[in-house]
Amino acid sequence: MAKKSAIEKNKRRAQMAQRYAAKRTRLKAIADDQSLPMEERFAARLKLAQMPRNSAPTRVRNRCEVTGRPRAFYRKLKMSRIALRDLASTGQIPGMVKSSW
């Protein structure tokens, strides 16, 4: 099980990224638009740099919903390989069987 503080910090980052998503996309569109004057694009970049770092969606770490483990994460199942194996071994995931040959 991961530290509670790390899990909570990641949740706060996800909430902040969601809160600032619209503003970030608007500023990025202005900054990347080549038809606008250079000063306006530069001002958009400065405003983007003034925003909190944790408002960037790349700072959110994918974590296992069951254990909070940050590594070996399956996006489709939203869990780590270890949690997946444990649940599959106990028969809690429908249709998943242990392979043997």
PDB file of N, CA and C in Angstrom:
ATOM      1  N   MET A   1       0.839  -1.180   0.000  1.00  0.00           N
ATOM      2  CA  MET A   1       0.000   0.000   0.000  1.00  0.00           C
ATOM      3  C   MET A   1       0.888   1.248   0.000  1.00  0.00           C
ATOM      4  N   ALA A   2       0.552   2.199  -0.849  1.00  0.00           N
ATOM      5  CA  ALA A   2       1.320   3.436  -0.951  1.00  0.00           C
ATOM      6  C   ALA A   2       1.009   4.343   0.243  1.00  0.00           C
ATOM      7  N   LYS A   3       1.881   5.333   0.455  1.00  0.00           N
ATOM      8  CA  LYS A   3       1.661   6.288   1.529  1.00  0.00           C
ATOM      9  C   LYS A   3       0.396   7.089   1.255  1.00  0.00           C
ATOM     10  N   LYS A   4      -0.376   7.318   2.296  1.00  0.00           N
ATOM     11  CA  LYS A   4      -1.621   8.079   2.157  1.00  0.00           C
ATOM     12  C   LYS A   4      -1.339   9.496   1.657  1.00  0.00           C
ATOM     13  N   SER A   5      -0.236  10.072   2.101  1.00  0.00           N
ATOM     14  CA  SER A   5       0.083  11.441   1.708  1.00  0.00           C
ATOM     15  C   SER A   5       0.362  11.534   0.209  1.00  0.00           C
ATOM     16  N   ALA A   6       1.027  10.520  -0.349  1.00  0.00           N
ATOM     17  CA  ALA A   6       1.316  10.525  -1.784  1.00  0.00           C
ATOM     18  C   ALA A   6       0.037  10.380  -2.601  1.00  0.00           C
ATOM     19  N   ILE A   7      -0.865   9.547  -2.118  1.00  0.00           N
ATOM     20  CA  ILE A   7      -2.141   9.346  -2.818  1.00  0.00           C
ATOM     21  C   ILE A   7      -2.966  10.626  -2.773  1.00  0.00           C
ATOM     22  N   GLU A   8      -3.022  11.265  -1.608  1.00  0.00           N
ATOM     23  CA  GLU A   8      -3.802  12.503  -1.454  1.00  0.00           C
ATOM     24  C   GLU A   8      -3.198  13.644  -2.269  1.00  0.00           C
ATOM     25  N   LYS A   9      -1.867  13.726  -2.309  1.00  0.00           N
ATOM     26  CA  LYS A   9      -1.210  14.754  -3.102  1.00  0.00           C
ATOM     27  C   LYS A   9      -1.555  14.590  -4.579  1.00  0.00           C
ATOM     28  N   ASN A  10      -1.584  13.355  -5.036  1.00  0.00           N
ATOM     29  CA  ASN A  10      -1.926  13.085  -6.430  1.00  0.00           C
ATOM     30  C   ASN A  10      -3.389  13.445  -6.713  1.00  0.00           C
ATOM     31  N   LYS A  11      -4.269  13.201  -5.755  1.00  0.00           N
ATOM     32  CA  LYS A  11      -5.683  13.571  -5.921  1.00  0.00           C
ATOM     33  C   LYS A  11      -5.839  15.082  -6.027  1.00  0.00           C
ATOM     34  N   ARG A  12      -5.087  15.809  -5.186  1.00  0.00           N
ATOM     35  CA  ARG A  12      -5.138  17.278  -5.248  1.00  0.00           C
ATOM     36  C   ARG A  12      -4.636  17.777  -6.599  1.00  0.00           C
ATOM     37  N   ARG A  13      -3.573  17.146  -7.112  1.00  0.00           N
ATOM     38  CA  ARG A  13      -3.051  17.528  -8.424  1.00  0.00           C
ATOM     39  C   ARG A  13      -4.090  17.292  -9.518  1.00  0.00           C
ATOM     40  N   ALA A  14      -4.784  16.158  -9.439  1.00  0.00           N
ATOM     41  CA  ALA A  14      -5.806  15.847 -10.440  1.00  0.00           C
ATOM     42  C   ALA A  14      -6.942  16.862 -10.383  1.00  0.00           C
ATOM     43  N   GLN A  15      -7.360  17.251  -9.175  1.00  0.00           N
ATOM     44  CA  GLN A  15      -8.421  18.245  -9.037  1.00  0.00           C
ATOM     45  C   GLN A  15      -7.987  19.600  -9.575  1.00  0.00           C
ATOM     46  N   MET A  16      -6.738  19.973  -9.283  1.00  0.00           N
ATOM     47  CA  MET A  16      -6.233  21.254  -9.751  1.00  0.00           C
ATOM     48  C   MET A  16      -6.094  21.265 -11.271  1.00  0.00           C
ATOM     49  N   ALA A  17      -5.648  20.162 -11.837  1.00  0.00           N
ATOM     50  CA  ALA A  17      -5.518  20.071 -13.292  1.00  0.00           C
ATOM     51  C   ALA A  17      -6.881  20.203 -13.959  1.00  0.00           C
ATOM     52  N   GLN A  18      -7.883  19.610 -13.347  1.00  0.00           N
ATOM     53  CA  GLN A  18      -9.236  19.698 -13.892  1.00  0.00           C
ATOM     54  C   GLN A  18      -9.784  21.123 -13.754  1.00  0.00           C
ATOM     55  N   ARG A  19      -9.487  21.780 -12.639  1.00  0.00           N
ATOM     56  CA  ARG A  19      -9.975  23.134 -12.400  1.00  0.00           C
ATOM     57  C   ARG A  19      -9.390  24.131 -13.398  1.00  0.00           C
ATOM     58  N   TYR A  20      -8.115  23.988 -13.728  1.00  0.00           N
ATOM     59  CA  TYR A  20      -7.432  24.933 -14.608  1.00  0.00           C
ATOM     60  C   TYR A  20      -7.395  24.485 -16.068  1.00  0.00           C
ATOM     61  N   ALA A  21      -8.020  23.386 -16.413  1.00  0.00           N
ATOM     62  CA  ALA A  21      -7.916  22.829 -17.768  1.00  0.00           C
ATOM     63  C   ALA A  21      -8.389  23.799 -18.841  1.00  0.00           C
ATOM     64  N   ALA A  22      -9.538  24.424 -18.649  1.00  0.00           N
ATOM     65  CA  ALA A  22     -10.081  25.329 -19.663  1.00  0.00           C
ATOM     66  C   ALA A  22      -9.175  26.546 -19.865  1.00  0.00           C
ATOM     67  N   LYS A  23      -8.702  27.108 -18.782  1.00  0.00           N
ATOM     68  CA  LYS A  23      -7.831  28.282 -18.871  1.00  0.00           C
ATOM     69  C   LYS A  23      -6.509  27.931 -19.547  1.00  0.00           C
ATOM     70  N   ARG A  24      -5.958  26.774 -19.213  1.00  0.00           N
ATOM     71  CA  ARG A  24      -4.696  26.344 -19.815  1.00  0.00           C
ATOM     72  C   ARG A  24      -4.843  26.129 -21.316  1.00  0.00           C
ATOM     73  N   THR A  25      -5.932  25.480 -21.734  1.00  0.00           N
ATOM     74  CA  THR A  25      -6.119  25.230 -23.170  1.00  0.00           C
ATOM     75  C   THR A  25      -6.315  26.536 -23.932  1.00  0.00           C
ATOM     76  N   ARG A  26      -7.033  27.497 -23.317  1.00  0.00           N
ATOM     77  CA  ARG A  26      -7.234  28.794 -23.968  1.00  0.00           C
ATOM     78  C   ARG A  26      -5.905  29.529 -24.140  1.00  0.00           C
ATOM     79  N   LEU A  27      -5.093  29.552 -23.074  1.00  0.00           N
ATOM     80  CA  LEU A  27      -3.794  30.234 -23.151  1.00  0.00           C
ATOM     81  C   LEU A  27      -2.846  29.529 -24.114  1.00  0.00           C
ATOM     82  N   LYS A  28      -2.880  28.201 -24.142  1.00  0.00           N
ATOM     83  CA  LYS A  28      -2.014  27.463 -25.066  1.00  0.00           C
ATOM     84  C   LYS A  28      -2.410  27.718 -26.515  1.00  0.00           C
ATOM     85  N   ALA A  29      -3.709  27.831 -26.770  1.00  0.00           N
ATOM     86  CA  ALA A  29      -4.174  28.117 -28.125  1.00  0.00           C
ATOM     87  C   ALA A  29      -3.693  29.498 -28.577  1.00  0.00           C
ATOM     88  N   ILE A  30      -3.741  30.458 -27.669  1.00  0.00           N
ATOM     89  CA  ILE A  30      -3.243  31.803 -28.007  1.00  0.00           C
ATOM     90  C   ILE A  30      -1.739  31.769 -28.239  1.00  0.00           C
ATOM     91  N   ALA A  31      -1.019  31.067 -27.390  1.00  0.00           N
ATOM     92  CA  ALA A  31       0.445  31.025 -27.489  1.00  0.00           C
ATOM     93  C   ALA A  31       0.917  30.314 -28.747  1.00  0.00           C
ATOM     94  N   ASP A  32       0.147  29.341 -29.234  1.00  0.00           N
ATOM     95  CA  ASP A  32       0.565  28.573 -30.408  1.00  0.00           C
ATOM     96  C   ASP A  32       0.046  29.131 -31.723  1.00  0.00           C
ATOM     97  N   ASP A  33      -0.844  30.117 -31.669  1.00  0.00           N
ATOM     98  CA  ASP A  33      -1.440  30.682 -32.873  1.00  0.00           C
ATOM     99  C   ASP A  33      -0.437  31.607 -33.567  1.00  0.00           C
ATOM    100  N   GLN A  34       0.047  31.207 -34.742  1.00  0.00           N
ATOM    101  CA  GLN A  34       1.065  31.971 -35.461  1.00  0.00           C
ATOM    102  C   GLN A  34       0.517  33.259 -36.080  1.00  0.00           C
ATOM    103  N   SER A  35      -0.798  33.351 -36.234  1.00  0.00           N
ATOM    104  CA  SER A  35      -1.383  34.540 -36.863  1.00  0.00           C
ATOM    105  C   SER A  35      -1.455  35.730 -35.902  1.00  0.00           C
ATOM    106  N   LEU A  36      -1.361  35.476 -34.611  1.00  0.00           N
ATOM    107  CA  LEU A  36      -1.402  36.558 -33.626  1.00  0.00           C
ATOM    108  C   LEU A  36      -0.041  37.241 -33.514  1.00  0.00           C
ATOM    109  N   PRO A  37      -0.018  38.494 -33.049  1.00  0.00           N
ATOM    110  CA  PRO A  37       1.270  39.181 -32.874  1.00  0.00           C
ATOM    111  C   PRO A  37       2.123  38.529 -31.792  1.00  0.00           C
ATOM    112  N   MET A  38       3.416  38.690 -31.913  1.00  0.00           N
ATOM    113  CA  MET A  38       4.382  38.057 -31.015  1.00  0.00           C
ATOM    114  C   MET A  38       4.184  38.490 -29.556  1.00  0.00           C
ATOM    115  N   GLU A  39       3.844  39.773 -29.336  1.00  0.00           N
ATOM    116  CA  GLU A  39       3.675  40.276 -27.972  1.00  0.00           C
ATOM    117  C   GLU A  39       2.501  39.577 -27.266  1.00  0.00           C
ATOM    118  N   GLU A  40       1.421  39.381 -28.010  1.00  0.00           N
ATOM    119  CA  GLU A  40       0.242  38.737 -27.434  1.00  0.00           C
ATOM    120  C   GLU A  40       0.536  37.271 -27.098  1.00  0.00           C
ATOM    121  N   ARG A  41       1.256  36.593 -27.974  1.00  0.00           N
ATOM    122  CA  ARG A  41       1.622  35.198 -27.727  1.00  0.00           C
ATOM    123  C   ARG A  41       2.566  35.092 -26.540  1.00  0.00           C
ATOM    124  N   PHE A  42       3.503  36.039 -26.453  1.00  0.00           N
ATOM    125  CA  PHE A  42       4.450  36.044 -25.336  1.00  0.00           C
ATOM    126  C   PHE A  42       3.726  36.296 -24.013  1.00  0.00           C
ATOM    127  N   ALA A  43       2.752  37.190 -24.031  1.00  0.00           N
ATOM    128  CA  ALA A  43       1.974  37.477 -22.822  1.00  0.00           C
ATOM    129  C   ALA A  43       1.198  36.235 -22.381  1.00  0.00           C
ATOM    130  N   ALA A  44       0.675  35.472 -23.342  1.00  0.00           N
ATOM    131  CA  ALA A  44      -0.041  34.232 -23.007  1.00  0.00           C
ATOM    132  C   ALA A  44       0.912  33.224 -22.382  1.00  0.00           C
ATOM    133  N   ARG A  45       2.139  33.156 -22.902  1.00  0.00           N
ATOM    134  CA  ARG A  45       3.139  32.247 -22.328  1.00  0.00           C
ATOM    135  C   ARG A  45       3.495  32.651 -20.898  1.00  0.00           C
ATOM    136  N   LEU A  46       3.595  33.955 -20.657  1.00  0.00           N
ATOM    137  CA  LEU A  46       3.899  34.423 -19.303  1.00  0.00           C
ATOM    138  C   LEU A  46       2.767  34.083 -18.337  1.00  0.00           C
ATOM    139  N   LYS A  47       1.514  34.255 -18.776  1.00  0.00           N
ATOM    140  CA  LYS A  47       0.374  33.906 -17.933  1.00  0.00           C
ATOM    141  C   LYS A  47       0.346  32.404 -17.654  1.00  0.00           C
ATOM    142  N   LEU A  48       0.733  31.626 -18.667  1.00  0.00           N
ATOM    143  CA  LEU A  48       0.793  30.173 -18.498  1.00  0.00           C
ATOM    144  C   LEU A  48       1.858  29.796 -17.472  1.00  0.00           C
ATOM    145  N   ALA A  49       2.975  30.518 -17.503  1.00  0.00           N
ATOM    146  CA  ALA A  49       4.059  30.245 -16.553  1.00  0.00           C
ATOM    147  C   ALA A  49       3.683  30.681 -15.133  1.00  0.00           C
ATOM    148  N   GLN A  50       2.774  31.665 -15.009  1.00  0.00           N
ATOM    149  CA  GLN A  50       2.349  32.145 -13.698  1.00  0.00           C
ATOM    150  C   GLN A  50       1.395  31.176 -12.999  1.00  0.00           C
ATOM    151  N   MET A  51       0.785  30.279 -13.763  1.00  0.00           N
ATOM    152  CA  MET A  51      -0.172  29.338 -13.180  1.00  0.00           C
ATOM    153  C   MET A  51       0.548  28.339 -12.283  1.00  0.00           C
ATOM    154  N   PRO A  52      -0.157  27.732 -11.340  1.00  0.00           N
ATOM    155  CA  PRO A  52       0.476  26.741 -10.453  1.00  0.00           C
ATOM    156  C   PRO A  52       1.018  25.547 -11.244  1.00  0.00           C
ATOM    157  N   ARG A  53       2.142  25.049 -10.835  1.00  0.00           N
ATOM    158  CA  ARG A  53       2.751  23.918 -11.542  1.00  0.00           C
ATOM    159  C   ARG A  53       1.869  22.681 -11.508  1.00  0.00           C
ATOM    160  N   ASN A  54       1.215  22.466 -10.381  1.00  0.00           N
ATOM    161  CA  ASN A  54       0.379  21.275 -10.250  1.00  0.00           C
ATOM    162  C   ASN A  54      -0.912  21.361 -11.048  1.00  0.00           C
ATOM    163  N   SER A  55      -1.130  22.464 -11.753  1.00  0.00           N
ATOM    164  CA  SER A  55      -2.310  22.560 -12.602  1.00  0.00           C
ATOM    165  C   SER A  55      -2.059  21.927 -13.974  1.00  0.00           C
ATOM    166  N   ALA A  56      -0.829  21.515 -14.234  1.00  0.00           N
ATOM    167  CA  ALA A  56      -0.513  20.851 -15.496  1.00  0.00           C
ATOM    168  C   ALA A  56      -0.926  19.383 -15.417  1.00  0.00           C
ATOM    169  N   PRO A  57      -1.632  18.885 -16.436  1.00  0.00           N
ATOM    170  CA  PRO A  57      -2.101  17.498 -16.377  1.00  0.00           C
ATOM    171  C   PRO A  57      -0.972  16.460 -16.414  1.00  0.00           C
ATOM    172  N   THR A  58       0.209  16.845 -16.865  1.00  0.00           N
ATOM    173  CA  THR A  58       1.305  15.881 -16.913  1.00  0.00           C
ATOM    174  C   THR A  58       1.872  15.566 -15.533  1.00  0.00           C
ATOM    175  N   ARG A  59       1.556  16.395 -14.543  1.00  0.00           N
ATOM    176  CA  ARG A  59       2.056  16.146 -13.190  1.00  0.00           C
ATOM    177  C   ARG A  59       1.204  15.156 -12.414  1.00  0.00           C
ATOM    178  N   VAL A  60       0.064  14.784 -12.978  1.00  0.00           N
ATOM    179  CA  VAL A  60      -0.793  13.789 -12.333  1.00  0.00           C
ATOM    180  C   VAL A  60      -0.248  12.409 -12.660  1.00  0.00           C
ATOM    181  N   ARG A  61      -0.053  11.602 -11.646  1.00  0.00           N
ATOM    182  CA  ARG A  61       0.520  10.271 -11.805  1.00  0.00           C
ATOM    183  C   ARG A  61      -0.596   9.243 -11.803  1.00  0.00           C
ATOM    184  N   ASN A  62      -0.547   8.314 -12.750  1.00  0.00           N
ATOM    185  CA  ASN A  62      -1.518   7.219 -12.746  1.00  0.00           C
ATOM    186  C   ASN A  62      -1.207   6.301 -11.575  1.00  0.00           C
ATOM    187  N   ARG A  63      -2.192   6.068 -10.732  1.00  0.00           N
ATOM    188  CA  ARG A  63      -2.015   5.211  -9.568  1.00  0.00           C
ATOM    189  C   ARG A  63      -3.097   4.152  -9.526  1.00  0.00           C
ATOM    190  N   CYS A  64      -2.743   3.017  -8.948  1.00  0.00           N
ATOM    191  CA  CYS A  64      -3.676   1.906  -8.786  1.00  0.00           C
ATOM    192  C   CYS A  64      -4.823   2.336  -7.875  1.00  0.00           C
ATOM    193  N   GLU A  65      -6.055   2.034  -8.284  1.00  0.00           N
ATOM    194  CA  GLU A  65      -7.230   2.381  -7.480  1.00  0.00           C
ATOM    195  C   GLU A  65      -7.298   1.539  -6.208  1.00  0.00           C
ATOM    196  N   VAL A  66      -6.730   0.342  -6.250  1.00  0.00           N
ATOM    197  CA  VAL A  66      -6.814  -0.575  -5.118  1.00  0.00           C
ATOM    198  C   VAL A  66      -5.727  -0.281  -4.084  1.00  0.00           C
ATOM    199  N   THR A  67      -4.477  -0.205  -4.537  1.00  0.00           N
ATOM    200  CA  THR A  67      -3.353  -0.078  -3.614  1.00  0.00           C
ATOM    201  C   THR A  67      -2.675   1.281  -3.627  1.00  0.00           C
ATOM    202  N   GLY A  68      -2.843   2.054  -4.678  1.00  0.00           N
ATOM    203  CA  GLY A  68      -2.160   3.333  -4.794  1.00  0.00           C
ATOM    204  C   GLY A  68      -0.776   3.222  -5.396  1.00  0.00           C
ATOM    205  N   ARG A  69      -0.401   2.050  -5.849  1.00  0.00           N
ATOM    206  CA  ARG A  69       0.926   1.834  -6.429  1.00  0.00           C
ATOM    207  C   ARG A  69       1.082   2.654  -7.717  1.00  0.00           C
ATOM    208  N   PRO A  70       2.203   3.402  -7.873  1.00  0.00           N
ATOM    209  CA  PRO A  70       2.366   4.253  -9.046  1.00  0.00           C
ATOM    210  C   PRO A  70       2.996   3.566 -10.261  1.00  0.00           C
ATOM    211  N   ARG A  71       3.564   2.405 -10.072  1.00  0.00           N
ATOM    212  CA  ARG A  71       4.249   1.725 -11.185  1.00  0.00           C
ATOM    213  C   ARG A  71       3.427   0.540 -11.677  1.00  0.00           C
ATOM    214  N   ALA A  72       3.753   0.074 -12.878  1.00  0.00           N
ATOM    215  CA  ALA A  72       3.101  -1.102 -13.476  1.00  0.00           C
ATOM    216  C   ALA A  72       1.590  -0.945 -13.475  1.00  0.00           C
ATOM    217  N   PHE A  73       1.123   0.148 -14.066  1.00  0.00           N
ATOM    218  CA  PHE A  73      -0.292   0.530 -14.040  1.00  0.00           C
ATOM    219  C   PHE A  73      -0.939   0.185 -15.375  1.00  0.00           C
ATOM    220  N   TYR A  74      -2.050  -0.538 -15.314  1.00  0.00           N
ATOM    221  CA  TYR A  74      -2.844  -0.833 -16.509  1.00  0.00           C
ATOM    222  C   TYR A  74      -3.950   0.211 -16.609  1.00  0.00           C
ATOM    223  N   ARG A  75      -3.912   1.030 -17.656  1.00  0.00           N
ATOM    224  CA  ARG A  75      -4.896   2.109 -17.793  1.00  0.00           C
ATOM    225  C   ARG A  75      -6.310   1.579 -17.957  1.00  0.00           C
ATOM    226  N   LYS A  76      -6.449   0.519 -18.724  1.00  0.00           N
ATOM    227  CA  LYS A  76      -7.775  -0.015 -19.004  1.00  0.00           C
ATOM    228  C   LYS A  76      -8.482  -0.483 -17.728  1.00  0.00           C
ATOM    229  N   LEU A  77      -7.728  -1.035 -16.806  1.00  0.00           N
ATOM    230  CA  LEU A  77      -8.300  -1.572 -15.566  1.00  0.00           C
ATOM    231  C   LEU A  77      -8.135  -0.639 -14.373  1.00  0.00           C
ATOM    232  N   LYS A  78      -7.301   0.392 -14.528  1.00  0.00           N
ATOM    233  CA  LYS A  78      -6.999   1.352 -13.457  1.00  0.00           C
ATOM    234  C   LYS A  78      -6.444   0.677 -12.220  1.00  0.00           C
ATOM    235  N   MET A  79      -5.581  -0.310 -12.423  1.00  0.00           N
ATOM    236  CA  MET A  79      -4.937  -0.964 -11.287  1.00  0.00           C
ATOM    237  C   MET A  79      -3.553  -1.475 -11.691  1.00  0.00           C
ATOM    238  N   SER A  80      -2.758  -1.790 -10.691  1.00  0.00           N
ATOM    239  CA  SER A  80      -1.410  -2.266 -10.932  1.00  0.00           C
ATOM    240  C   SER A  80      -1.419  -3.764 -11.234  1.00  0.00           C
ATOM    241  N   ARG A  81      -0.306  -4.231 -11.727  1.00  0.00           N
ATOM    242  CA  ARG A  81      -0.196  -5.649 -12.085  1.00  0.00           C
ATOM    243  C   ARG A  81      -0.343  -6.548 -10.860  1.00  0.00           C
ATOM    244  N   ILE A  82       0.145  -6.094  -9.722  1.00  0.00           N
ATOM    245  CA  ILE A  82       0.098  -6.904  -8.511  1.00  0.00           C
ATOM    246  C   ILE A  82      -1.333  -7.035  -8.005  1.00  0.00           C
ATOM    247  N   ALA A  83      -2.064  -5.906  -7.976  1.00  0.00           N
ATOM    248  CA  ALA A  83      -3.462  -5.943  -7.543  1.00  0.00           C
ATOM    249  C   ALA A  83      -4.289  -6.774  -8.524  1.00  0.00           C
ATOM    250  N   LEU A  84      -3.976  -6.652  -9.803  1.00  0.00           N
ATOM    251  CA  LEU A  84      -4.696  -7.424 -10.817  1.00  0.00           C
ATOM    252  C   LEU A  84      -4.480  -8.917 -10.611  1.00  0.00           C
ATOM    253  N   ARG A  85      -3.253  -9.285 -10.340  1.00  0.00           N
ATOM    254  CA  ARG A  85      -2.949 -10.704 -10.124  1.00  0.00           C
ATOM    255  C   ARG A  85      -3.650 -11.247  -8.876  1.00  0.00           C
ATOM    256  N   ASP A  86      -3.641 -10.461  -7.804  1.00  0.00           N
ATOM    257  CA  ASP A  86      -4.312 -10.896  -6.573  1.00  0.00           C
ATOM    258  C   ASP A  86      -5.807 -11.089  -6.782  1.00  0.00           C
ATOM    259  N   LEU A  87      -6.444 -10.128  -7.433  1.00  0.00           N
ATOM    260  CA  LEU A  87      -7.888 -10.231  -7.669  1.00  0.00           C
ATOM    261  C   LEU A  87      -8.218 -11.370  -8.631  1.00  0.00           C
ATOM    262  N   ALA A  88      -7.360 -11.574  -9.633  1.00  0.00           N
ATOM    263  CA  ALA A  88      -7.599 -12.658 -10.588  1.00  0.00           C
ATOM    264  C   ALA A  88      -7.408 -14.016  -9.918  1.00  0.00           C
ATOM    265  N   SER A  89      -6.440 -14.117  -9.030  1.00  0.00           N
ATOM    266  CA  SER A  89      -6.183 -15.390  -8.351  1.00  0.00           C
ATOM    267  C   SER A  89      -7.331 -15.793  -7.432  1.00  0.00           C
ATOM    268  N   THR A  90      -7.985 -14.794  -6.851  1.00  0.00           N
ATOM    269  CA  THR A  90      -9.113 -15.100  -5.972  1.00  0.00           C
ATOM    270  C   THR A  90     -10.429 -15.216  -6.735  1.00  0.00           C
ATOM    271  N   GLY A  91     -10.385 -15.007  -8.061  1.00  0.00           N
ATOM    272  CA  GLY A  91     -11.572 -15.165  -8.890  1.00  0.00           C
ATOM    273  C   GLY A  91     -12.524 -13.990  -8.835  1.00  0.00           C
ATOM    274  N   GLN A  92     -12.034 -12.807  -8.521  1.00  0.00           N
ATOM    275  CA  GLN A  92     -12.897 -11.638  -8.404  1.00  0.00           C
ATOM    276  C   GLN A  92     -13.032 -10.847  -9.695  1.00  0.00           C
ATOM    277  N   ILE A  93     -12.255 -11.227 -10.724  1.00  0.00           N
ATOM    278  CA  ILE A  93     -12.366 -10.569 -12.012  1.00  0.00           C
ATOM    279  C   ILE A  93     -13.014 -11.555 -12.990  1.00  0.00           C
ATOM    280  N   PRO A  94     -14.229 -11.246 -13.474  1.00  0.00           N
ATOM    281  CA  PRO A  94     -14.948 -12.183 -14.341  1.00  0.00           C
ATOM    282  C   PRO A  94     -14.206 -12.410 -15.649  1.00  0.00           C
ATOM    283  N   GLY A  95     -14.122 -13.656 -16.052  1.00  0.00           N
ATOM    284  CA  GLY A  95     -13.514 -14.007 -17.334  1.00  0.00           C
ATOM    285  C   GLY A  95     -12.021 -14.155 -17.322  1.00  0.00           C
ATOM    286  N   MET A  96     -11.362 -13.799 -16.248  1.00  0.00           N
ATOM    287  CA  MET A  96      -9.905 -13.894 -16.188  1.00  0.00           C
ATOM    288  C   MET A  96      -9.528 -15.181 -15.486  1.00  0.00           C
ATOM    289  N   VAL A  97      -8.741 -15.982 -16.189  1.00  0.00           N
ATOM    290  CA  VAL A  97      -8.274 -17.261 -15.626  1.00  0.00           C
ATOM    291  C   VAL A  97      -6.773 -17.293 -15.687  1.00  0.00           C
ATOM    292  N   LYS A  98      -6.183 -18.050 -14.791  1.00  0.00           N
ATOM    293  CA  LYS A  98      -4.736 -18.212 -14.769  1.00  0.00           C
ATOM    294  C   LYS A  98      -4.346 -19.103 -15.936  1.00  0.00           C
ATOM    295  N   SER A  99      -3.343 -18.659 -16.686  1.00  0.00           N
ATOM    296  CA  SER A  99      -2.942 -19.447 -17.836  1.00  0.00           C
ATOM    297  C   SER A  99      -2.019 -20.585 -17.396  1.00  0.00           C
ATOM    298  N   SER A 100      -2.154 -21.702 -18.077  1.00  0.00           N
ATOM    299  CA  SER A 100      -1.271 -22.834 -17.828  1.00  0.00           C
ATOM    300  C   SER A 100      -1.135 -23.602 -19.129  1.00  0.00           C
ATOM    301  N   TRP A 101       0.072 -24.130 -19.357  1.00  0.00           N
ATOM    302  CA  TRP A 101       0.314 -24.900 -20.570  1.00  0.00           C
ATOM    303  C   TRP A 101       1.261 -26.011 -20.316  1.00  0.00           C
TER     304      TRP A 101
END
